[in-house]
Amino acid sequence: MQVYVSPKYQGKNVGSNIIISTIDEAFKINEIEQIEIGVISINENAEKLYKKIGFEEFGLQKNFLKIDNSYYHHKMMMIYKTHYTNR
């Protein structure tokens, strides 16, 4: 899943509501015990949001993305059903 919120609607909890609703629905399924997401290292707003929701970083792929002559890392994050507090 990718979430993009138009600048017009940013700061109005649209993205977080979409993500939280998706997590809520996923964790209703007994077999789903964890959810993984990834974020490019320069996307600090997304990373901050994911951490606020409860995701924790568990890995890093260095030089995952190259734009022009700059490399960016890919942070892998996970949330466990047993640690999810938004339900």
PDB file of N, CA and C in Angstrom:
ATOM      1  N   MET A   1       0.847  -1.165   0.000  1.00  0.00           N
ATOM      2  CA  MET A   1       0.000   0.000   0.000  1.00  0.00           C
ATOM      3  C   MET A   1       0.898   1.234   0.000  1.00  0.00           C
ATOM      4  N   GLN A   2       0.544   2.182  -0.788  1.00  0.00           N
ATOM      5  CA  GLN A   2       1.194   3.480  -0.749  1.00  0.00           C
ATOM      6  C   GLN A   2       0.136   4.529  -0.462  1.00  0.00           C
ATOM      7  N   VAL A   3       0.517   5.495   0.339  1.00  0.00           N
ATOM      8  CA  VAL A   3      -0.405   6.564   0.678  1.00  0.00           C
ATOM      9  C   VAL A   3       0.223   7.882   0.265  1.00  0.00           C
ATOM     10  N   TYR A   4      -0.505   8.644  -0.500  1.00  0.00           N
ATOM     11  CA  TYR A   4      -0.087   9.987  -0.869  1.00  0.00           C
ATOM     12  C   TYR A   4      -1.253  10.914  -0.588  1.00  0.00           C
ATOM     13  N   VAL A   5      -0.980  11.984   0.109  1.00  0.00           N
ATOM     14  CA  VAL A   5      -2.010  12.963   0.419  1.00  0.00           C
ATOM     15  C   VAL A   5      -1.640  14.264  -0.276  1.00  0.00           C
ATOM     16  N   SER A   6      -2.542  14.776  -1.065  1.00  0.00           N
ATOM     17  CA  SER A   6      -2.350  16.045  -1.754  1.00  0.00           C
ATOM     18  C   SER A   6      -2.021  17.138  -0.740  1.00  0.00           C
ATOM     19  N   PRO A   7      -1.102  18.030  -1.101  1.00  0.00           N
ATOM     20  CA  PRO A   7      -0.750  19.123  -0.165  1.00  0.00           C
ATOM     21  C   PRO A   7      -1.964  19.874   0.369  1.00  0.00           C
ATOM     22  N   LYS A   8      -3.009  19.951  -0.412  1.00  0.00           N
ATOM     23  CA  LYS A   8      -4.231  20.639   0.009  1.00  0.00           C
ATOM     24  C   LYS A   8      -4.835  20.014   1.273  1.00  0.00           C
ATOM     25  N   TYR A   9      -4.635  18.697   1.451  1.00  0.00           N
ATOM     26  CA  TYR A   9      -5.241  17.980   2.573  1.00  0.00           C
ATOM     27  C   TYR A   9      -4.231  17.542   3.630  1.00  0.00           C
ATOM     28  N   GLN A  10      -2.966  17.845   3.430  1.00  0.00           N
ATOM     29  CA  GLN A  10      -1.956  17.466   4.407  1.00  0.00           C
ATOM     30  C   GLN A  10      -2.166  18.232   5.708  1.00  0.00           C
ATOM     31  N   GLY A  11      -1.838  17.584   6.811  1.00  0.00           N
ATOM     32  CA  GLY A  11      -2.012  18.207   8.118  1.00  0.00           C
ATOM     33  C   GLY A  11      -3.418  18.089   8.667  1.00  0.00           C
ATOM     34  N   LYS A  12      -4.267  17.320   7.988  1.00  0.00           N
ATOM     35  CA  LYS A  12      -5.661  17.160   8.425  1.00  0.00           C
ATOM     36  C   LYS A  12      -5.962  15.719   8.830  1.00  0.00           C
ATOM     37  N   ASN A  13      -4.911  14.944   9.101  1.00  0.00           N
ATOM     38  CA  ASN A  13      -5.022  13.551   9.543  1.00  0.00           C
ATOM     39  C   ASN A  13      -5.596  12.605   8.494  1.00  0.00           C
ATOM     40  N   VAL A  14      -5.631  13.009   7.247  1.00  0.00           N
ATOM     41  CA  VAL A  14      -6.151  12.143   6.188  1.00  0.00           C
ATOM     42  C   VAL A  14      -5.279  10.902   6.043  1.00  0.00           C
ATOM     43  N   GLY A  15      -3.977  11.096   5.926  1.00  0.00           N
ATOM     44  CA  GLY A  15      -3.063   9.959   5.757  1.00  0.00           C
ATOM     45  C   GLY A  15      -3.076   9.037   6.958  1.00  0.00           C
ATOM     46  N   SER A  16      -3.007   9.603   8.150  1.00  0.00           N
ATOM     47  CA  SER A  16      -2.999   8.752   9.348  1.00  0.00           C
ATOM     48  C   SER A  16      -4.314   8.002   9.496  1.00  0.00           C
ATOM     49  N   ASN A  17      -5.425   8.621   9.163  1.00  0.00           N
ATOM     50  CA  ASN A  17      -6.719   7.930   9.243  1.00  0.00           C
ATOM     51  C   ASN A  17      -6.789   6.758   8.261  1.00  0.00           C
ATOM     52  N   ILE A  18      -6.247   6.941   7.082  1.00  0.00           N
ATOM     53  CA  ILE A  18      -6.223   5.852   6.095  1.00  0.00           C
ATOM     54  C   ILE A  18      -5.368   4.696   6.610  1.00  0.00           C
ATOM     55  N   ILE A  19      -4.193   5.018   7.109  1.00  0.00           N
ATOM     56  CA  ILE A  19      -3.283   3.975   7.592  1.00  0.00           C
ATOM     57  C   ILE A  19      -3.870   3.258   8.800  1.00  0.00           C
ATOM     58  N   ILE A  20      -4.382   4.003   9.753  1.00  0.00           N
ATOM     59  CA  ILE A  20      -4.958   3.390  10.955  1.00  0.00           C
ATOM     60  C   ILE A  20      -6.158   2.526  10.607  1.00  0.00           C
ATOM     61  N   SER A  21      -7.018   2.987   9.715  1.00  0.00           N
ATOM     62  CA  SER A  21      -8.172   2.181   9.301  1.00  0.00           C
ATOM     63  C   SER A  21      -7.738   0.890   8.629  1.00  0.00           C
ATOM     64  N   THR A  22      -6.696   0.974   7.821  1.00  0.00           N
ATOM     65  CA  THR A  22      -6.174  -0.219   7.140  1.00  0.00           C
ATOM     66  C   THR A  22      -5.601  -1.197   8.157  1.00  0.00           C
ATOM     67  N   ILE A  23      -4.831  -0.703   9.111  1.00  0.00           N
ATOM     68  CA  ILE A  23      -4.269  -1.566  10.153  1.00  0.00           C
ATOM     69  C   ILE A  23      -5.386  -2.193  10.980  1.00  0.00           C
ATOM     70  N   ASP A  24      -6.376  -1.401  11.359  1.00  0.00           N
ATOM     71  CA  ASP A  24      -7.509  -1.919  12.135  1.00  0.00           C
ATOM     72  C   ASP A  24      -8.171  -3.087  11.420  1.00  0.00           C
ATOM     73  N   GLU A  25      -8.417  -2.914  10.140  1.00  0.00           N
ATOM     74  CA  GLU A  25      -9.063  -3.985   9.360  1.00  0.00           C
ATOM     75  C   GLU A  25      -8.157  -5.202   9.240  1.00  0.00           C
ATOM     76  N   ALA A  26      -6.877  -4.978   8.987  1.00  0.00           N
ATOM     77  CA  ALA A  26      -5.943  -6.100   8.830  1.00  0.00           C
ATOM     78  C   ALA A  26      -5.853  -6.915  10.115  1.00  0.00           C
ATOM     79  N   PHE A  27      -5.782  -6.258  11.250  1.00  0.00           N
ATOM     80  CA  PHE A  27      -5.625  -6.966  12.518  1.00  0.00           C
ATOM     81  C   PHE A  27      -6.913  -7.639  12.987  1.00  0.00           C
ATOM     82  N   LYS A  28      -8.015  -7.420  12.305  1.00  0.00           N
ATOM     83  CA  LYS A  28      -9.239  -8.193  12.582  1.00  0.00           C
ATOM     84  C   LYS A  28      -9.089  -9.634  12.093  1.00  0.00           C
ATOM     85  N   ILE A  29      -8.147  -9.844  11.203  1.00  0.00           N
ATOM     86  CA  ILE A  29      -7.886 -11.187  10.670  1.00  0.00           C
ATOM     87  C   ILE A  29      -6.934 -11.887  11.641  1.00  0.00           C
ATOM     88  N   ASN A  30      -7.390 -12.979  12.233  1.00  0.00           N
ATOM     89  CA  ASN A  30      -6.615 -13.657  13.271  1.00  0.00           C
ATOM     90  C   ASN A  30      -5.219 -14.049  12.823  1.00  0.00           C
ATOM     91  N   GLU A  31      -5.056 -14.442  11.576  1.00  0.00           N
ATOM     92  CA  GLU A  31      -3.765 -14.921  11.098  1.00  0.00           C
ATOM     93  C   GLU A  31      -2.738 -13.811  10.902  1.00  0.00           C
ATOM     94  N   ILE A  32      -3.173 -12.591  10.845  1.00  0.00           N
ATOM     95  CA  ILE A  32      -2.230 -11.477  10.678  1.00  0.00           C
ATOM     96  C   ILE A  32      -1.755 -11.030  12.051  1.00  0.00           C
ATOM     97  N   GLU A  33      -0.462 -11.201  12.280  1.00  0.00           N
ATOM     98  CA  GLU A  33       0.128 -10.867  13.569  1.00  0.00           C
ATOM     99  C   GLU A  33       1.060  -9.666  13.504  1.00  0.00           C
ATOM    100  N   GLN A  34       1.484  -9.298  12.298  1.00  0.00           N
ATOM    101  CA  GLN A  34       2.389  -8.165  12.148  1.00  0.00           C
ATOM    102  C   GLN A  34       2.219  -7.560  10.770  1.00  0.00           C
ATOM    103  N   ILE A  35       2.565  -6.300  10.658  1.00  0.00           N
ATOM    104  CA  ILE A  35       2.490  -5.583   9.386  1.00  0.00           C
ATOM    105  C   ILE A  35       3.822  -4.879   9.185  1.00  0.00           C
ATOM    106  N   GLU A  36       4.355  -4.990   7.976  1.00  0.00           N
ATOM    107  CA  GLU A  36       5.608  -4.344   7.635  1.00  0.00           C
ATOM    108  C   GLU A  36       5.355  -3.223   6.637  1.00  0.00           C
ATOM    109  N   ILE A  37       6.105  -2.145   6.788  1.00  0.00           N
ATOM    110  CA  ILE A  37       6.068  -1.049   5.829  1.00  0.00           C
ATOM    111  C   ILE A  37       7.492  -0.588   5.565  1.00  0.00           C
ATOM    112  N   GLY A  38       7.654   0.200   4.547  1.00  0.00           N
ATOM    113  CA  GLY A  38       8.955   0.774   4.243  1.00  0.00           C
ATOM    114  C   GLY A  38       8.815   2.254   3.971  1.00  0.00           C
ATOM    115  N   VAL A  39       9.879   2.980   4.265  1.00  0.00           N
ATOM    116  CA  VAL A  39       9.872   4.419   4.044  1.00  0.00           C
ATOM    117  C   VAL A  39      11.263   4.845   3.591  1.00  0.00           C
ATOM    118  N   ILE A  40      11.314   5.707   2.599  1.00  0.00           N
ATOM    119  CA  ILE A  40      12.588   6.243   2.133  1.00  0.00           C
ATOM    120  C   ILE A  40      13.101   7.237   3.170  1.00  0.00           C
ATOM    121  N   SER A  41      14.382   7.197   3.424  1.00  0.00           N
ATOM    122  CA  SER A  41      14.978   7.941   4.540  1.00  0.00           C
ATOM    123  C   SER A  41      14.715   9.447   4.501  1.00  0.00           C
ATOM    124  N   ILE A  42      14.500  10.021   3.349  1.00  0.00           N
ATOM    125  CA  ILE A  42      14.259  11.468   3.298  1.00  0.00           C
ATOM    126  C   ILE A  42      12.811  11.843   3.596  1.00  0.00           C
ATOM    127  N   ASN A  43      11.938  10.851   3.689  1.00  0.00           N
ATOM    128  CA  ASN A  43      10.528  11.126   3.959  1.00  0.00           C
ATOM    129  C   ASN A  43      10.306  11.150   5.475  1.00  0.00           C
ATOM    130  N   GLU A  44      10.815  12.191   6.099  1.00  0.00           N
ATOM    131  CA  GLU A  44      10.783  12.293   7.554  1.00  0.00           C
ATOM    132  C   GLU A  44       9.363  12.400   8.107  1.00  0.00           C
ATOM    133  N   ASN A  45       8.472  13.048   7.390  1.00  0.00           N
ATOM    134  CA  ASN A  45       7.090  13.175   7.866  1.00  0.00           C
ATOM    135  C   ASN A  45       6.409  11.817   7.942  1.00  0.00           C
ATOM    136  N   ALA A  46       6.616  10.990   6.920  1.00  0.00           N
ATOM    137  CA  ALA A  46       6.012   9.660   6.928  1.00  0.00           C
ATOM    138  C   ALA A  46       6.598   8.819   8.056  1.00  0.00           C
ATOM    139  N   GLU A  47       7.906   8.855   8.201  1.00  0.00           N
ATOM    140  CA  GLU A  47       8.547   8.071   9.264  1.00  0.00           C
ATOM    141  C   GLU A  47       8.026   8.500  10.639  1.00  0.00           C
ATOM    142  N   LYS A  48       7.887   9.782  10.846  1.00  0.00           N
ATOM    143  CA  LYS A  48       7.367  10.301  12.117  1.00  0.00           C
ATOM    144  C   LYS A  48       5.941   9.798  12.364  1.00  0.00           C
ATOM    145  N   LEU A  49       5.126   9.812  11.317  1.00  0.00           N
ATOM    146  CA  LEU A  49       3.751   9.328  11.431  1.00  0.00           C
ATOM    147  C   LEU A  49       3.733   7.840  11.770  1.00  0.00           C
ATOM    148  N   TYR A  50       4.532   7.046  11.064  1.00  0.00           N
ATOM    149  CA  TYR A  50       4.562   5.607  11.309  1.00  0.00           C
ATOM    150  C   TYR A  50       4.993   5.306  12.739  1.00  0.00           C
ATOM    151  N   LYS A  51       5.978   6.027  13.238  1.00  0.00           N
ATOM    152  CA  LYS A  51       6.432   5.822  14.619  1.00  0.00           C
ATOM    153  C   LYS A  51       5.325   6.216  15.601  1.00  0.00           C
ATOM    154  N   LYS A  52       4.611   7.285  15.306  1.00  0.00           N
ATOM    155  CA  LYS A  52       3.508   7.724  16.171  1.00  0.00           C
ATOM    156  C   LYS A  52       2.428   6.654  16.247  1.00  0.00           C
ATOM    157  N   ILE A  53       2.177   5.982  15.136  1.00  0.00           N
ATOM    158  CA  ILE A  53       1.171   4.919  15.096  1.00  0.00           C
ATOM    159  C   ILE A  53       1.655   3.695  15.869  1.00  0.00           C
ATOM    160  N   GLY A  54       2.964   3.496  15.925  1.00  0.00           N
ATOM    161  CA  GLY A  54       3.501   2.355  16.671  1.00  0.00           C
ATOM    162  C   GLY A  54       4.483   1.490  15.914  1.00  0.00           C
ATOM    163  N   PHE A  55       4.792   1.838  14.675  1.00  0.00           N
ATOM    164  CA  PHE A  55       5.775   1.074  13.903  1.00  0.00           C
ATOM    165  C   PHE A  55       7.168   1.302  14.465  1.00  0.00           C
ATOM    166  N   GLU A  56       7.983   0.252  14.413  1.00  0.00           N
ATOM    167  CA  GLU A  56       9.368   0.335  14.853  1.00  0.00           C
ATOM    168  C   GLU A  56      10.281  -0.109  13.713  1.00  0.00           C
ATOM    169  N   GLU A  57      11.417   0.548  13.589  1.00  0.00           N
ATOM    170  CA  GLU A  57      12.376   0.196  12.547  1.00  0.00           C
ATOM    171  C   GLU A  57      13.042  -1.134  12.879  1.00  0.00           C
ATOM    172  N   PHE A  58      13.157  -2.016  11.882  1.00  0.00           N
ATOM    173  CA  PHE A  58      13.835  -3.284  12.110  1.00  0.00           C
ATOM    174  C   PHE A  58      14.942  -3.544  11.099  1.00  0.00           C
ATOM    175  N   GLY A  59      15.096  -2.685  10.124  1.00  0.00           N
ATOM    176  CA  GLY A  59      16.155  -2.896   9.148  1.00  0.00           C
ATOM    177  C   GLY A  59      16.343  -1.688   8.256  1.00  0.00           C
ATOM    178  N   LEU A  60      17.472  -1.701   7.559  1.00  0.00           N
ATOM    179  CA  LEU A  60      17.818  -0.589   6.685  1.00  0.00           C
ATOM    180  C   LEU A  60      18.500  -1.126   5.435  1.00  0.00           C
ATOM    181  N   GLN A  61      17.988  -0.757   4.282  1.00  0.00           N
ATOM    182  CA  GLN A  61      18.635  -1.069   3.015  1.00  0.00           C
ATOM    183  C   GLN A  61      19.344   0.192   2.558  1.00  0.00           C
ATOM    184  N   LYS A  62      20.658   0.164   2.625  1.00  0.00           N
ATOM    185  CA  LYS A  62      21.434   1.344   2.249  1.00  0.00           C
ATOM    186  C   LYS A  62      21.449   1.520   0.740  1.00  0.00           C
ATOM    187  N   ASN A  63      21.473   2.774   0.314  1.00  0.00           N
ATOM    188  CA  ASN A  63      21.530   3.130  -1.114  1.00  0.00           C
ATOM    189  C   ASN A  63      20.431   2.456  -1.923  1.00  0.00           C
ATOM    190  N   PHE A  64      19.252   2.396  -1.351  1.00  0.00           N
ATOM    191  CA  PHE A  64      18.097   1.738  -1.964  1.00  0.00           C
ATOM    192  C   PHE A  64      17.614   2.481  -3.214  1.00  0.00           C
ATOM    193  N   LEU A  65      17.698   3.796  -3.189  1.00  0.00           N
ATOM    194  CA  LEU A  65      17.158   4.631  -4.262  1.00  0.00           C
ATOM    195  C   LEU A  65      18.181   5.685  -4.642  1.00  0.00           C
ATOM    196  N   LYS A  66      18.352   5.856  -5.943  1.00  0.00           N
ATOM    197  CA  LYS A  66      19.258   6.888  -6.435  1.00  0.00           C
ATOM    198  C   LYS A  66      18.455   7.876  -7.276  1.00  0.00           C
ATOM    199  N   ILE A  67      18.533   9.131  -6.879  1.00  0.00           N
ATOM    200  CA  ILE A  67      17.897  10.208  -7.639  1.00  0.00           C
ATOM    201  C   ILE A  67      18.999  11.196  -7.977  1.00  0.00           C
ATOM    202  N   ASP A  68      19.178  11.414  -9.262  1.00  0.00           N
ATOM    203  CA  ASP A  68      20.302  12.196  -9.747  1.00  0.00           C
ATOM    204  C   ASP A  68      21.585  11.547  -9.206  1.00  0.00           C
ATOM    205  N   ASN A  69      22.349  12.238  -8.429  1.00  0.00           N
ATOM    206  CA  ASN A  69      23.576  11.654  -7.880  1.00  0.00           C
ATOM    207  C   ASN A  69      23.489  11.412  -6.372  1.00  0.00           C
ATOM    208  N   SER A  70      22.277  11.377  -5.844  1.00  0.00           N
ATOM    209  CA  SER A  70      22.095  11.165  -4.406  1.00  0.00           C
ATOM    210  C   SER A  70      21.448   9.816  -4.141  1.00  0.00           C
ATOM    211  N   TYR A  71      21.949   9.137  -3.123  1.00  0.00           N
ATOM    212  CA  TYR A  71      21.400   7.851  -2.708  1.00  0.00           C
ATOM    213  C   TYR A  71      20.572   8.029  -1.440  1.00  0.00           C
ATOM    214  N   TYR A  72      19.503   7.242  -1.340  1.00  0.00           N
ATOM    215  CA  TYR A  72      18.619   7.292  -0.188  1.00  0.00           C
ATOM    216  C   TYR A  72      18.398   5.882   0.339  1.00  0.00           C
ATOM    217  N   HIS A  73      18.317   5.786   1.655  1.00  0.00           N
ATOM    218  CA  HIS A  73      18.122   4.496   2.300  1.00  0.00           C
ATOM    219  C   HIS A  73      16.627   4.175   2.398  1.00  0.00           C
ATOM    220  N   HIS A  74      16.351   2.893   2.541  1.00  0.00           N
ATOM    221  CA  HIS A  74      14.990   2.388   2.715  1.00  0.00           C
ATOM    222  C   HIS A  74      14.897   1.814   4.126  1.00  0.00           C
ATOM    223  N   LYS A  75      14.087   2.442   4.962  1.00  0.00           N
ATOM    224  CA  LYS A  75      13.901   1.959   6.327  1.00  0.00           C
ATOM    225  C   LYS A  75      12.722   1.000   6.339  1.00  0.00           C
ATOM    226  N   MET A  76      12.956  -0.166   6.916  1.00  0.00           N
ATOM    227  CA  MET A  76      11.902  -1.161   7.044  1.00  0.00           C
ATOM    228  C   MET A  76      11.352  -1.076   8.459  1.00  0.00           C
ATOM    229  N   MET A  77      10.029  -1.029   8.552  1.00  0.00           N
ATOM    230  CA  MET A  77       9.379  -0.844   9.841  1.00  0.00           C
ATOM    231  C   MET A  77       8.290  -1.896  10.016  1.00  0.00           C
ATOM    232  N   MET A  78       8.004  -2.232  11.280  1.00  0.00           N
ATOM    233  CA  MET A  78       7.030  -3.272  11.572  1.00  0.00           C
ATOM    234  C   MET A  78       6.222  -2.883  12.800  1.00  0.00           C
ATOM    235  N   ILE A  79       4.973  -3.346  12.801  1.00  0.00           N
ATOM    236  CA  ILE A  79       4.125  -3.206  13.982  1.00  0.00           C
ATOM    237  C   ILE A  79       3.509  -4.575  14.253  1.00  0.00           C
ATOM    238  N   TYR A  80       3.485  -4.952  15.524  1.00  0.00           N
ATOM    239  CA  TYR A  80       2.904  -6.226  15.942  1.00  0.00           C
ATOM    240  C   TYR A  80       1.501  -5.995  16.493  1.00  0.00           C
ATOM    241  N   LYS A  81       0.625  -6.933  16.206  1.00  0.00           N
ATOM    242  CA  LYS A  81      -0.741  -6.837  16.710  1.00  0.00           C
ATOM    243  C   LYS A  81      -0.751  -6.686  18.231  1.00  0.00           C
ATOM    244  N   THR A  82       0.123  -7.399  18.916  1.00  0.00           N
ATOM    245  CA  THR A  82       0.137  -7.354  20.383  1.00  0.00           C
ATOM    246  C   THR A  82       0.596  -6.010  20.934  1.00  0.00           C
ATOM    247  N   HIS A  83       1.263  -5.194  20.097  1.00  0.00           N
ATOM    248  CA  HIS A  83       1.738  -3.885  20.543  1.00  0.00           C
ATOM    249  C   HIS A  83       0.909  -2.728  19.986  1.00  0.00           C
ATOM    250  N   TYR A  84      -0.064  -3.046  19.152  1.00  0.00           N
ATOM    251  CA  TYR A  84      -0.857  -2.006  18.489  1.00  0.00           C
ATOM    252  C   TYR A  84      -1.879  -1.444  19.470  1.00  0.00           C
ATOM    253  N   THR A  85      -1.845  -0.134  19.693  1.00  0.00           N
ATOM    254  CA  THR A  85      -2.702   0.476  20.708  1.00  0.00           C
ATOM    255  C   THR A  85      -3.878   1.246  20.134  1.00  0.00           C
ATOM    256  N   ASN A  86      -3.994   1.362  18.821  1.00  0.00           N
ATOM    257  CA  ASN A  86      -5.085   2.166  18.238  1.00  0.00           C
ATOM    258  C   ASN A  86      -6.392   1.392  18.100  1.00  0.00           C
ATOM    259  N   ARG A  87      -6.420   0.142  18.482  1.00  0.00           N
ATOM    260  CA  ARG A  87      -7.653  -0.619  18.297  1.00  0.00           C
ATOM    261  C   ARG A  87      -8.595  -0.452  19.441  1.00  0.00           C
TER     262      ARG A  87
END
